Amino acid sequence: MIRRVWDRRLRHRIYQAGFRGLQRAIEEKAREYGASVVHVNPKEHLQVMPNS
């Protein structure tokens, strides 16, 4: 379905919409449980973060 959208920017926005919804749900649950959410640069998402 998304492959048939020819405008690159619109296709990207449609693709990202699901991830934004998931991010909002995670942030809401974190607030509910008093946990913090750390946003990281997606460019470096494959690196392993040290335990702190």
Protein backbone atom coordinates (compact mmCIF):
# COMPACT_ATOMS: atom_id res chain seq x y z
CA MET A 1 0.00 0.00 0.00
CA ILE A 2 2.62 2.56 1.02
CA ARG A 3 4.76 1.72 -2.00
CA ARG A 4 2.06 3.15 -4.26
CA VAL A 5 2.43 6.63 -2.68
CA TRP A 6 4.74 8.46 -5.06
CA ASP A 7 5.51 11.54 -2.94
CA ARG A 8 8.57 10.64 -0.87
CA ARG A 9 7.77 13.02 1.99
CA LEU A 10 4.18 11.82 2.29
CA ARG A 11 5.29 8.18 2.17
CA HIS A 12 7.81 8.86 4.96
CA ARG A 13 5.18 10.60 7.11
CA ILE A 14 2.77 7.68 6.69
CA TYR A 15 5.53 5.21 7.58
CA GLN A 16 6.57 7.18 10.69
CA ALA A 17 3.00 7.61 12.00
CA GLY A 18 2.95 4.12 13.52
CA PHE A 19 6.24 4.69 15.31
CA ARG A 20 5.07 8.01 16.76
CA GLY A 21 1.96 6.31 18.13
CA LEU A 22 4.07 3.61 19.75
CA GLN A 23 6.41 6.24 21.20
CA ARG A 24 3.49 8.15 22.73
CA ALA A 25 2.06 4.96 24.26
CA ILE A 26 5.44 4.07 25.81
CA GLU A 27 5.84 7.59 27.21
CA GLU A 28 2.34 7.49 28.68
CA LYS A 29 2.94 4.15 30.40
CA ALA A 30 6.29 5.36 31.70
CA ARG A 31 4.62 8.40 33.28
CA GLU A 32 1.94 6.12 34.74
CA TYR A 33 4.60 4.00 36.46
CA GLY A 34 6.92 6.90 37.35
CA ALA A 35 9.67 5.72 34.99
CA SER A 36 11.74 7.94 32.75
CA VAL A 37 12.11 7.63 28.99
CA VAL A 38 15.47 8.42 27.41
CA HIS A 39 15.40 9.51 23.78
CA VAL A 40 18.50 8.56 21.81
CA ASN A 41 19.77 9.61 18.41
CA PRO A 42 18.39 7.05 15.91
CA LYS A 43 21.64 7.25 13.97
CA GLU A 44 23.39 5.46 16.82
CA HIS A 45 20.62 2.99 17.69
CA LEU A 46 22.75 -0.08 17.00
CA GLN A 47 25.34 0.74 19.66
CA VAL A 48 25.05 -0.99 23.02
CA MET A 49 24.50 1.40 25.93
CA PRO A 50 26.52 0.71 29.09
CA ASN A 51 24.69 -0.17 32.29
CA SER A 52 24.50 2.81 34.61
